[in-house]
Amino acid sequence: MVNNMIYFRKFFEDLPFFKAIETKSDDNSKRLCTYLKDPTQVVFQQEIDKWLKIAYEHNIVDNFKKRLSGNVTFIGLQCILNELMVAYFVHVELKMRIKQYSPAVKNNKMADWLFEKDNQAMYVEVKTPWEERREGTFGYSQYDKLFESIRKKYSQRPKNKEPFVIFITDELNLSPAVHKPAVRELTDALYGKRAIVFHEFNGKSLKQPSYEVVDRRSIFQQNIRRNLSGVAVLKFMVWFDDNLMKDIGKHHFILFHNPYCFKECRLDPEWFKPFKQYVPNFEKGKMEWLDTNAC
C-alpha cells in the first residue's frame, strides 16, 4: 500500500521552520531537520506520517503545531517527534487505548500520555536525554546523564498508586537491541552498579569471584521511587548505517521493570510481549530476561 504521507504534509507544510530547512547540512548531529525534506529519507518520513495520524485522529495535533510555530530548536523538534513515536508505539504495537494527552498528575504537573488496557490506566512520561556528542568520545559513559534524566522525570508521577513508565527515547547511543554495553549501563543506573568482586580474608580467596552490586545508588530502590513501574527504551532505526541495515524501519523496545514498585503499580508482562523485558522473579529473588537473547 502506498503511503502518500497526507498527515506529514498537512502538519509541516505551513510551519515556518520547515520551509526554511535546507536538505544539505554539514552538521551531522542535527541531521534530523534535513531528513524531514531529504527525498532519500522516505522511510523516516513515512514513519512520522503514521505518528501524526494518531495525533490527528485524537484531535491533539494543535498542541504539537503550537510548539513548533515559533523559534524551533533541534531538541524541541526531537522531543515532539519522540512523544508522537511513543504514542504510536504504545497504541498500535502494544494495543493500548490513548485515553488522554497531557494528563494532570502529582503536584499540579502534567505527564505526557495516559493509556488504558484491560481497564487499567498507565501513565507515561517521555524523556529525550540528548546532549552534543563530544569529539573523540564515542561510547563514553552515559550513566550520570541517564540517572539524572530519569530521577527528574519521576516528579511527573500520578497522584495515586497507578502504573507509571518513563520512556527514554534514544539520543544517547542507547540502541538496546543492538549495543549490549548500553544495556549494561542502563541496568547500572536502574538497579545499581555491578562489578566482579573477589572475596578474600587474610589474603586468601574465600570463594569464586562473583558479579555483585558495588554501588547502590540506583533509580529502583526499596524505599524511594516506588510509584515508578518501570523504565522503557524505545528507538526507531532509520539511519542508513551499513552495520544496521537489517534494522532500518524497525522499532527497538526494552522494558525494565521496577521490582520494588508498589503492588498497584506493577505492570503485566503480557501487555508488552513479544518485546524484550527485564522482569523480577519473586520466587527466585532475582531479575530475569523474558527474552534470553536480550543481553
C-alpha atoms as a PDB file:
ATOM      1  CA  MET A   1       0.000   0.000   0.000  1.00  0.00           C
ATOM      2  CA  VAL A   2       1.373   3.416  -0.998  1.00  0.00           C
ATOM      3  CA  ASN A   3       1.831   5.929   1.778  1.00  0.00           C
ATOM      4  CA  ASN A   4       1.220   9.425   0.373  1.00  0.00           C
ATOM      5  CA  MET A   5       2.199  10.993   3.696  1.00  0.00           C
ATOM      6  CA  ILE A   6      -1.014  13.011   3.915  1.00  0.00           C
ATOM      7  CA  TYR A   7      -0.581  13.803   7.594  1.00  0.00           C
ATOM      8  CA  PHE A   8       3.120  14.578   7.254  1.00  0.00           C
ATOM      9  CA  ARG A   9       2.477  17.165   4.543  1.00  0.00           C
ATOM     10  CA  LYS A  10      -0.574  18.603   6.256  1.00  0.00           C
ATOM     11  CA  PHE A  11       1.316  19.043   9.514  1.00  0.00           C
ATOM     12  CA  PHE A  12       4.603  20.503   8.288  1.00  0.00           C
ATOM     13  CA  GLU A  13       3.784  22.410   5.075  1.00  0.00           C
ATOM     14  CA  ASP A  14       2.759  25.703   6.722  1.00  0.00           C
ATOM     15  CA  LEU A  15       5.316  25.720   9.549  1.00  0.00           C
ATOM     16  CA  PRO A  16       7.951  28.461   9.005  1.00  0.00           C
ATOM     17  CA  PHE A  17      10.868  26.378  10.287  1.00  0.00           C
ATOM     18  CA  PHE A  18      10.027  23.571   7.850  1.00  0.00           C
ATOM     19  CA  LYS A  19      10.007  25.938   4.874  1.00  0.00           C
ATOM     20  CA  ALA A  20      13.462  27.173   5.877  1.00  0.00           C
ATOM     21  CA  ILE A  21      15.069  23.722   6.132  1.00  0.00           C
ATOM     22  CA  GLU A  22      17.897  23.049   3.707  1.00  0.00           C
ATOM     23  CA  THR A  23      18.233  19.451   2.568  1.00  0.00           C
ATOM     24  CA  LYS A  24      22.020  19.563   2.874  1.00  0.00           C
ATOM     25  CA  SER A  25      23.801  20.232   6.133  1.00  0.00           C
ATOM     26  CA  ASP A  26      27.338  19.750   7.415  1.00  0.00           C
ATOM     27  CA  ASP A  27      26.059  19.435  10.984  1.00  0.00           C
ATOM     28  CA  ASN A  28      25.608  15.670  11.367  1.00  0.00           C
ATOM     29  CA  SER A  29      24.381  15.981  14.957  1.00  0.00           C
ATOM     30  CA  LYS A  30      21.277  17.835  13.747  1.00  0.00           C
ATOM     31  CA  ARG A  31      20.585  15.969  10.537  1.00  0.00           C
ATOM     32  CA  LEU A  32      17.081  15.155  11.788  1.00  0.00           C
ATOM     33  CA  CYS A  33      15.905  18.511  10.419  1.00  0.00           C
ATOM     34  CA  THR A  34      17.275  17.851   6.948  1.00  0.00           C
ATOM     35  CA  TYR A  35      15.797  14.350   6.978  1.00  0.00           C
ATOM     36  CA  LEU A  36      12.326  15.884   7.069  1.00  0.00           C
ATOM     37  CA  LYS A  37      12.855  17.076   3.490  1.00  0.00           C
ATOM     38  CA  ASP A  38      15.542  14.795   2.098  1.00  0.00           C
ATOM     39  CA  PRO A  39      13.923  12.668  -0.666  1.00  0.00           C
ATOM     40  CA  THR A  40      16.210   9.738   0.227  1.00  0.00           C
ATOM     41  CA  GLN A  41      14.737   9.526   3.746  1.00  0.00           C
ATOM     42  CA  VAL A  42      11.266   8.349   2.772  1.00  0.00           C
ATOM     43  CA  VAL A  43      11.309   5.548   5.365  1.00  0.00           C
ATOM     44  CA  PHE A  44      11.681   8.112   8.135  1.00  0.00           C
ATOM     45  CA  GLN A  45       9.089  10.496   6.697  1.00  0.00           C
ATOM     46  CA  GLN A  46       6.519   7.749   6.226  1.00  0.00           C
ATOM     47  CA  GLU A  47       7.016   6.654   9.817  1.00  0.00           C
ATOM     48  CA  ILE A  48       6.415  10.203  11.074  1.00  0.00           C
ATOM     49  CA  ASP A  49       3.270  10.265   8.961  1.00  0.00           C
ATOM     50  CA  LYS A  50       1.988   7.273  10.974  1.00  0.00           C
ATOM     51  CA  TRP A  51       2.779   9.043  14.245  1.00  0.00           C
ATOM     52  CA  LEU A  52       0.985  12.196  13.112  1.00  0.00           C
ATOM     53  CA  LYS A  53      -2.063  10.216  12.042  1.00  0.00           C
ATOM     54  CA  ILE A  54      -2.536   9.283  15.713  1.00  0.00           C
ATOM     55  CA  ALA A  55      -2.413  12.960  16.677  1.00  0.00           C
ATOM     56  CA  TYR A  56      -4.986  13.935  14.046  1.00  0.00           C
ATOM     57  CA  GLU A  57      -7.318  11.066  14.901  1.00  0.00           C
ATOM     58  CA  HIS A  58      -7.301  12.036  18.587  1.00  0.00           C
ATOM     59  CA  ASN A  59      -7.701  15.784  17.893  1.00  0.00           C
ATOM     60  CA  ILE A  60      -4.490  16.760  19.699  1.00  0.00           C
ATOM     61  CA  VAL A  61      -2.421  17.854  16.721  1.00  0.00           C
ATOM     62  CA  ASP A  62      -2.800  21.577  17.528  1.00  0.00           C
ATOM     63  CA  ASN A  63      -0.823  21.058  20.743  1.00  0.00           C
ATOM     64  CA  PHE A  64       2.187  19.927  18.741  1.00  0.00           C
ATOM     65  CA  LYS A  65       1.863  22.501  15.947  1.00  0.00           C
ATOM     66  CA  LYS A  66       1.775  25.276  18.515  1.00  0.00           C
ATOM     67  CA  ARG A  67       5.064  24.101  19.981  1.00  0.00           C
ATOM     68  CA  LEU A  68       6.643  24.254  16.511  1.00  0.00           C
ATOM     69  CA  SER A  69       5.150  27.547  15.362  1.00  0.00           C
ATOM     70  CA  GLY A  70       7.808  29.852  16.828  1.00  0.00           C
ATOM     71  CA  ASN A  71      11.555  29.549  17.199  1.00  0.00           C
ATOM     72  CA  VAL A  72      12.162  25.821  16.738  1.00  0.00           C
ATOM     73  CA  THR A  73      15.276  24.214  18.160  1.00  0.00           C
ATOM     74  CA  PHE A  74      16.615  20.839  17.135  1.00  0.00           C
ATOM     75  CA  ILE A  75      15.995  19.365  20.566  1.00  0.00           C
ATOM     76  CA  GLY A  76      12.460  20.824  20.673  1.00  0.00           C
ATOM     77  CA  LEU A  77      11.610  19.124  17.398  1.00  0.00           C
ATOM     78  CA  GLN A  78      13.198  15.896  18.577  1.00  0.00           C
ATOM     79  CA  CYS A  79      11.167  15.900  21.795  1.00  0.00           C
ATOM     80  CA  ILE A  80       7.887  16.354  19.939  1.00  0.00           C
ATOM     81  CA  LEU A  81       8.646  13.584  17.454  1.00  0.00           C
ATOM     82  CA  ASN A  82       9.633  11.257  20.285  1.00  0.00           C
ATOM     83  CA  GLU A  83       6.394  11.927  22.157  1.00  0.00           C
ATOM     84  CA  LEU A  84       4.463  11.056  18.996  1.00  0.00           C
ATOM     85  CA  MET A  85       6.601   7.970  18.408  1.00  0.00           C
ATOM     86  CA  VAL A  86       5.828   6.682  21.909  1.00  0.00           C
ATOM     87  CA  ALA A  87       2.094   7.288  21.449  1.00  0.00           C
ATOM     88  CA  TYR A  88       2.103   5.416  18.147  1.00  0.00           C
ATOM     89  CA  PHE A  89       4.130   2.512  19.504  1.00  0.00           C
ATOM     90  CA  VAL A  90       2.068   2.036  22.668  1.00  0.00           C
ATOM     91  CA  HIS A  91      -1.238   2.470  20.838  1.00  0.00           C
ATOM     92  CA  VAL A  92      -0.511   0.404  17.716  1.00  0.00           C
ATOM     93  CA  GLU A  93       2.173  -2.097  18.723  1.00  0.00           C
ATOM     94  CA  LEU A  94       1.129  -2.662  22.338  1.00  0.00           C
ATOM     95  CA  LYS A  95      -2.607  -2.316  21.624  1.00  0.00           C
ATOM     96  CA  MET A  96      -3.309   0.217  24.383  1.00  0.00           C
ATOM     97  CA  ARG A  97      -6.000   2.857  24.103  1.00  0.00           C
ATOM     98  CA  ILE A  98      -4.948   6.513  24.220  1.00  0.00           C
ATOM     99  CA  LYS A  99      -7.120   7.899  26.989  1.00  0.00           C
ATOM    100  CA  GLN A 100      -5.627  11.380  27.326  1.00  0.00           C
ATOM    101  CA  TYR A 101      -2.783  13.601  26.200  1.00  0.00           C
ATOM    102  CA  SER A 102      -1.031  15.640  28.900  1.00  0.00           C
ATOM    103  CA  PRO A 103      -2.990  14.265  31.892  1.00  0.00           C
ATOM    104  CA  ALA A 104      -2.778  16.014  35.260  1.00  0.00           C
ATOM    105  CA  VAL A 105      -0.537  14.284  37.789  1.00  0.00           C
ATOM    106  CA  LYS A 106       1.028  14.961  41.195  1.00  0.00           C
ATOM    107  CA  ASN A 107       1.962  18.495  42.353  1.00  0.00           C
ATOM    108  CA  ASN A 108      -0.046  20.242  39.590  1.00  0.00           C
ATOM    109  CA  LYS A 109       2.209  18.826  36.888  1.00  0.00           C
ATOM    110  CA  MET A 110       1.427  17.026  33.647  1.00  0.00           C
ATOM    111  CA  ALA A 111       2.574  13.685  32.291  1.00  0.00           C
ATOM    112  CA  ASP A 112       2.814  13.159  28.530  1.00  0.00           C
ATOM    113  CA  TRP A 113       0.277  10.387  27.997  1.00  0.00           C
ATOM    114  CA  LEU A 114      -2.382   8.338  29.715  1.00  0.00           C
ATOM    115  CA  PHE A 115      -3.081   4.928  28.170  1.00  0.00           C
ATOM    116  CA  GLU A 116      -5.510   2.201  29.152  1.00  0.00           C
ATOM    117  CA  LYS A 117      -5.634  -1.553  28.712  1.00  0.00           C
ATOM    118  CA  ASP A 118      -7.873  -4.138  30.362  1.00  0.00           C
ATOM    119  CA  ASN A 119      -9.490  -1.311  32.387  1.00  0.00           C
ATOM    120  CA  GLN A 120      -6.081  -0.432  33.826  1.00  0.00           C
ATOM    121  CA  ALA A 121      -4.529   3.016  33.363  1.00  0.00           C
ATOM    122  CA  MET A 122      -0.856   3.524  32.533  1.00  0.00           C
ATOM    123  CA  TYR A 123       0.773   6.960  32.743  1.00  0.00           C
ATOM    124  CA  VAL A 124       3.757   7.648  30.501  1.00  0.00           C
ATOM    125  CA  GLU A 125       6.411  10.338  30.616  1.00  0.00           C
ATOM    126  CA  VAL A 126       8.785  10.687  27.644  1.00  0.00           C
ATOM    127  CA  LYS A 127      12.372  11.821  28.093  1.00  0.00           C
ATOM    128  CA  THR A 128      14.890  12.690  25.392  1.00  0.00           C
ATOM    129  CA  PRO A 129      18.198  12.958  27.276  1.00  0.00           C
ATOM    130  CA  TRP A 130      20.036  14.468  24.317  1.00  0.00           C
ATOM    131  CA  GLU A 131      23.426  16.112  24.515  1.00  0.00           C
ATOM    132  CA  GLU A 132      26.004  17.227  21.989  1.00  0.00           C
ATOM    133  CA  ARG A 133      28.382  14.416  21.123  1.00  0.00           C
ATOM    134  CA  ARG A 134      31.897  15.459  22.070  1.00  0.00           C
ATOM    135  CA  GLU A 135      34.823  14.961  19.698  1.00  0.00           C
ATOM    136  CA  GLY A 136      36.528  11.615  20.098  1.00  0.00           C
ATOM    137  CA  THR A 137      34.197  10.370  22.816  1.00  0.00           C
ATOM    138  CA  PHE A 138      32.010   7.823  21.040  1.00  0.00           C
ATOM    139  CA  GLY A 139      30.828   5.323  23.602  1.00  0.00           C
ATOM    140  CA  TYR A 140      31.688   7.392  26.680  1.00  0.00           C
ATOM    141  CA  SER A 141      29.702   6.767  29.843  1.00  0.00           C
ATOM    142  CA  GLN A 142      26.092   7.938  29.926  1.00  0.00           C
ATOM    143  CA  TYR A 143      25.466   6.726  33.482  1.00  0.00           C
ATOM    144  CA  ASP A 144      25.130  10.151  35.148  1.00  0.00           C
ATOM    145  CA  LYS A 145      23.040  11.573  32.315  1.00  0.00           C
ATOM    146  CA  LEU A 146      20.667   8.621  32.433  1.00  0.00           C
ATOM    147  CA  PHE A 147      20.377   8.622  36.204  1.00  0.00           C
ATOM    148  CA  GLU A 148      19.564  12.332  36.470  1.00  0.00           C
ATOM    149  CA  SER A 149      17.175  12.298  33.498  1.00  0.00           C
ATOM    150  CA  ILE A 150      15.107   9.501  34.997  1.00  0.00           C
ATOM    151  CA  ARG A 151      15.274  10.862  38.535  1.00  0.00           C
ATOM    152  CA  LYS A 152      13.951  14.271  37.489  1.00  0.00           C
ATOM    153  CA  LYS A 153      11.132  12.794  35.398  1.00  0.00           C
ATOM    154  CA  TYR A 154       9.859  10.914  38.434  1.00  0.00           C
ATOM    155  CA  SER A 155       8.243  14.181  39.545  1.00  0.00           C
ATOM    156  CA  GLN A 156       5.670  13.622  36.761  1.00  0.00           C
ATOM    157  CA  ARG A 157       4.258  10.557  38.528  1.00  0.00           C
ATOM    158  CA  PRO A 158       0.496  10.044  39.030  1.00  0.00           C
ATOM    159  CA  LYS A 159      -1.316  11.319  42.098  1.00  0.00           C
ATOM    160  CA  ASN A 160      -2.294   7.790  43.134  1.00  0.00           C
ATOM    161  CA  LYS A 161      -0.640   4.378  43.032  1.00  0.00           C
ATOM    162  CA  GLU A 162      -1.084   3.600  39.342  1.00  0.00           C
ATOM    163  CA  PRO A 163       1.262   2.175  36.683  1.00  0.00           C
ATOM    164  CA  PHE A 164       3.783   4.796  35.565  1.00  0.00           C
ATOM    165  CA  VAL A 165       6.506   4.270  32.955  1.00  0.00           C
ATOM    166  CA  ILE A 166       9.288   6.621  31.885  1.00  0.00           C
ATOM    167  CA  PHE A 167      10.290   6.186  28.246  1.00  0.00           C
ATOM    168  CA  ILE A 168      13.872   7.018  27.309  1.00  0.00           C
ATOM    169  CA  THR A 169      13.928   7.797  23.602  1.00  0.00           C
ATOM    170  CA  ASP A 170      17.294   7.069  22.113  1.00  0.00           C
ATOM    171  CA  GLU A 171      19.569  10.061  21.755  1.00  0.00           C
ATOM    172  CA  LEU A 172      22.423   8.681  23.844  1.00  0.00           C
ATOM    173  CA  ASN A 173      23.506   5.795  21.623  1.00  0.00           C
ATOM    174  CA  LEU A 174      21.178   3.513  23.582  1.00  0.00           C
ATOM    175  CA  SER A 175      20.300   1.028  20.870  1.00  0.00           C
ATOM    176  CA  PRO A 176      19.313  -1.651  23.361  1.00  0.00           C
ATOM    177  CA  ALA A 177      18.720  -4.478  20.935  1.00  0.00           C
ATOM    178  CA  VAL A 178      21.981  -3.726  19.149  1.00  0.00           C
ATOM    179  CA  HIS A 179      24.622  -2.418  21.565  1.00  0.00           C
ATOM    180  CA  LYS A 180      24.952  -4.621  24.655  1.00  0.00           C
ATOM    181  CA  PRO A 181      27.198  -2.218  26.643  1.00  0.00           C
ATOM    182  CA  ALA A 182      24.404   0.375  26.518  1.00  0.00           C
ATOM    183  CA  VAL A 183      22.025  -2.107  28.141  1.00  0.00           C
ATOM    184  CA  ARG A 184      24.521  -2.794  30.935  1.00  0.00           C
ATOM    185  CA  GLU A 185      24.985   0.920  31.556  1.00  0.00           C
ATOM    186  CA  LEU A 186      21.250   1.455  31.852  1.00  0.00           C
ATOM    187  CA  THR A 187      20.869  -1.505  34.219  1.00  0.00           C
ATOM    188  CA  ASP A 188      23.632   0.061  36.342  1.00  0.00           C
ATOM    189  CA  ALA A 189      21.607   3.264  36.604  1.00  0.00           C
ATOM    190  CA  LEU A 190      18.371   1.427  37.370  1.00  0.00           C
ATOM    191  CA  TYR A 191      19.494  -1.431  39.616  1.00  0.00           C
ATOM    192  CA  GLY A 192      22.931  -0.392  40.901  1.00  0.00           C
ATOM    193  CA  LYS A 193      26.442  -0.615  39.508  1.00  0.00           C
ATOM    194  CA  ARG A 194      27.895  -4.101  39.382  1.00  0.00           C
ATOM    195  CA  ALA A 195      31.459  -5.340  39.246  1.00  0.00           C
ATOM    196  CA  ILE A 196      33.484  -8.532  39.661  1.00  0.00           C
ATOM    197  CA  VAL A 197      34.127  -8.967  43.380  1.00  0.00           C
ATOM    198  CA  PHE A 198      36.909 -11.162  44.826  1.00  0.00           C
ATOM    199  CA  HIS A 199      36.100 -12.256  48.382  1.00  0.00           C
ATOM    200  CA  GLU A 200      39.273 -12.546  50.443  1.00  0.00           C
ATOM    201  CA  PHE A 201      40.289 -12.900  54.069  1.00  0.00           C
ATOM    202  CA  ASN A 202      43.893 -12.550  55.223  1.00  0.00           C
ATOM    203  CA  GLY A 203      44.968 -12.569  51.614  1.00  0.00           C
ATOM    204  CA  LYS A 204      43.238 -15.858  50.775  1.00  0.00           C
ATOM    205  CA  SER A 205      40.332 -16.248  48.404  1.00  0.00           C
ATOM    206  CA  LEU A 206      37.239 -17.494  50.194  1.00  0.00           C
ATOM    207  CA  LYS A 207      35.242 -18.441  47.124  1.00  0.00           C
ATOM    208  CA  GLN A 208      34.899 -17.880  43.415  1.00  0.00           C
ATOM    209  CA  PRO A 209      34.637 -14.225  42.315  1.00  0.00           C
ATOM    210  CA  SER A 210      31.077 -13.022  41.853  1.00  0.00           C
ATOM    211  CA  TYR A 211      29.267 -10.283  39.945  1.00  0.00           C
ATOM    212  CA  GLU A 212      27.738  -8.111  42.658  1.00  0.00           C
ATOM    213  CA  VAL A 213      26.269  -4.648  43.207  1.00  0.00           C
ATOM    214  CA  VAL A 214      29.074  -2.393  44.439  1.00  0.00           C
ATOM    215  CA  ASP A 215      27.290   0.979  44.210  1.00  0.00           C
ATOM    216  CA  ARG A 216      23.710   1.019  45.433  1.00  0.00           C
ATOM    217  CA  ARG A 217      22.860   4.489  44.167  1.00  0.00           C
ATOM    218  CA  SER A 218      20.137   3.381  41.794  1.00  0.00           C
ATOM    219  CA  ILE A 219      16.768   4.506  40.465  1.00  0.00           C
ATOM    220  CA  PHE A 220      14.940   1.409  41.684  1.00  0.00           C
ATOM    221  CA  GLN A 221      15.170   1.081  45.479  1.00  0.00           C
ATOM    222  CA  GLN A 222      13.103  -0.394  48.293  1.00  0.00           C
ATOM    223  CA  ASN A 223      12.223   2.887  49.989  1.00  0.00           C
ATOM    224  CA  ILE A 224      12.102   5.527  47.238  1.00  0.00           C
ATOM    225  CA  ARG A 225      10.527   5.998  43.794  1.00  0.00           C
ATOM    226  CA  ARG A 226       8.137   3.104  44.400  1.00  0.00           C
ATOM    227  CA  ASN A 227       5.464   4.719  42.188  1.00  0.00           C
ATOM    228  CA  LEU A 228       7.704   4.109  39.180  1.00  0.00           C
ATOM    229  CA  SER A 229       6.611   0.885  37.475  1.00  0.00           C
ATOM    230  CA  GLY A 230       9.491   0.696  35.048  1.00  0.00           C
ATOM    231  CA  VAL A 231      11.733   2.410  32.525  1.00  0.00           C
ATOM    232  CA  ALA A 232      11.494   1.685  28.809  1.00  0.00           C
ATOM    233  CA  VAL A 233      13.885   2.441  25.970  1.00  0.00           C
ATOM    234  CA  LEU A 234      12.358   2.998  22.540  1.00  0.00           C
ATOM    235  CA  LYS A 235      14.221   3.681  19.318  1.00  0.00           C
ATOM    236  CA  PHE A 236      13.154   3.797  15.698  1.00  0.00           C
ATOM    237  CA  MET A 237      16.013   2.627  13.492  1.00  0.00           C
ATOM    238  CA  VAL A 238      16.164   4.794  10.401  1.00  0.00           C
ATOM    239  CA  TRP A 239      19.774   5.904   9.873  1.00  0.00           C
ATOM    240  CA  PHE A 240      21.465   4.245   6.942  1.00  0.00           C
ATOM    241  CA  ASP A 241      24.258   2.612   8.891  1.00  0.00           C
ATOM    242  CA  ASP A 242      25.848  -0.242   6.923  1.00  0.00           C
ATOM    243  CA  ASN A 243      26.122  -2.305  10.103  1.00  0.00           C
ATOM    244  CA  LEU A 244      22.424  -1.930  10.908  1.00  0.00           C
ATOM    245  CA  MET A 245      20.781  -2.216   7.512  1.00  0.00           C
ATOM    246  CA  LYS A 246      18.630  -5.122   8.717  1.00  0.00           C
ATOM    247  CA  ASP A 247      17.109  -2.788  11.316  1.00  0.00           C
ATOM    248  CA  ILE A 248      16.042   0.046   9.021  1.00  0.00           C
ATOM    249  CA  GLY A 249      12.403   0.893   9.615  1.00  0.00           C
ATOM    250  CA  LYS A 250      12.046  -1.063  12.859  1.00  0.00           C
ATOM    251  CA  HIS A 251      11.245  -0.137  16.440  1.00  0.00           C
ATOM    252  CA  HIS A 252      13.542  -1.437  19.168  1.00  0.00           C
ATOM    253  CA  PHE A 253      11.994  -1.625  22.622  1.00  0.00           C
ATOM    254  CA  ILE A 254      13.072  -2.907  26.030  1.00  0.00           C
ATOM    255  CA  LEU A 255      11.163  -2.550  29.288  1.00  0.00           C
ATOM    256  CA  PHE A 256      12.964  -2.688  32.625  1.00  0.00           C
ATOM    257  CA  HIS A 257      10.508  -3.473  35.443  1.00  0.00           C
ATOM    258  CA  ASN A 258      10.921  -1.999  38.914  1.00  0.00           C
ATOM    259  CA  PRO A 259      10.938  -4.903  41.409  1.00  0.00           C
ATOM    260  CA  TYR A 260      10.320  -2.518  44.326  1.00  0.00           C
ATOM    261  CA  CYS A 261       7.304  -0.644  42.984  1.00  0.00           C
ATOM    262  CA  PHE A 262       4.016  -0.723  44.846  1.00  0.00           C
ATOM    263  CA  LYS A 263       1.868  -3.723  44.023  1.00  0.00           C
ATOM    264  CA  GLU A 264      -0.735  -1.391  42.499  1.00  0.00           C
ATOM    265  CA  CYS A 265       1.924  -0.065  40.102  1.00  0.00           C
ATOM    266  CA  ARG A 266       3.160  -3.391  38.800  1.00  0.00           C
ATOM    267  CA  LEU A 267       2.976  -3.960  35.069  1.00  0.00           C
ATOM    268  CA  ASP A 268       1.628  -7.096  33.481  1.00  0.00           C
ATOM    269  CA  PRO A 269       4.450  -8.522  31.301  1.00  0.00           C
ATOM    270  CA  GLU A 270       1.800  -9.937  28.964  1.00  0.00           C
ATOM    271  CA  TRP A 271       0.992  -6.382  27.856  1.00  0.00           C
ATOM    272  CA  PHE A 272       4.446  -5.966  26.342  1.00  0.00           C
ATOM    273  CA  LYS A 273       5.033  -9.272  24.603  1.00  0.00           C
ATOM    274  CA  PRO A 274       6.751 -10.150  22.305  1.00  0.00           C
ATOM    275  CA  PHE A 275       9.169  -7.336  23.137  1.00  0.00           C
ATOM    276  CA  LYS A 276      12.121  -7.752  25.453  1.00  0.00           C
ATOM    277  CA  GLN A 277      11.653  -7.236  29.169  1.00  0.00           C
ATOM    278  CA  TYR A 278      13.767  -7.439  32.317  1.00  0.00           C
ATOM    279  CA  VAL A 279      11.363  -8.691  34.967  1.00  0.00           C
ATOM    280  CA  PRO A 280      11.508  -9.689  38.637  1.00  0.00           C
ATOM    281  CA  ASN A 281      11.217 -13.357  39.548  1.00  0.00           C
ATOM    282  CA  PHE A 282       9.910 -13.014  43.087  1.00  0.00           C
ATOM    283  CA  GLU A 283      10.191 -16.731  43.800  1.00  0.00           C
ATOM    284  CA  LYS A 284      13.901 -16.799  42.959  1.00  0.00           C
ATOM    285  CA  GLY A 285      14.550 -13.299  44.271  1.00  0.00           C
ATOM    286  CA  LYS A 286      16.285 -12.035  41.142  1.00  0.00           C
ATOM    287  CA  MET A 287      15.743 -10.224  37.840  1.00  0.00           C
ATOM    288  CA  GLU A 288      15.460 -12.244  34.625  1.00  0.00           C
ATOM    289  CA  TRP A 289      15.180 -11.576  30.909  1.00  0.00           C
ATOM    290  CA  LEU A 290      11.966 -12.831  29.366  1.00  0.00           C
ATOM    291  CA  ASP A 291      13.920 -12.974  26.124  1.00  0.00           C
ATOM    292  CA  THR A 292      17.310 -14.530  26.895  1.00  0.00           C
ATOM    293  CA  ASN A 293      18.752 -13.036  23.718  1.00  0.00           C
ATOM    294  CA  ALA A 294      18.300  -9.507  25.101  1.00  0.00           C
ATOM    295  CA  CYS A 295      21.679  -9.341  26.804  1.00  0.00           C
END
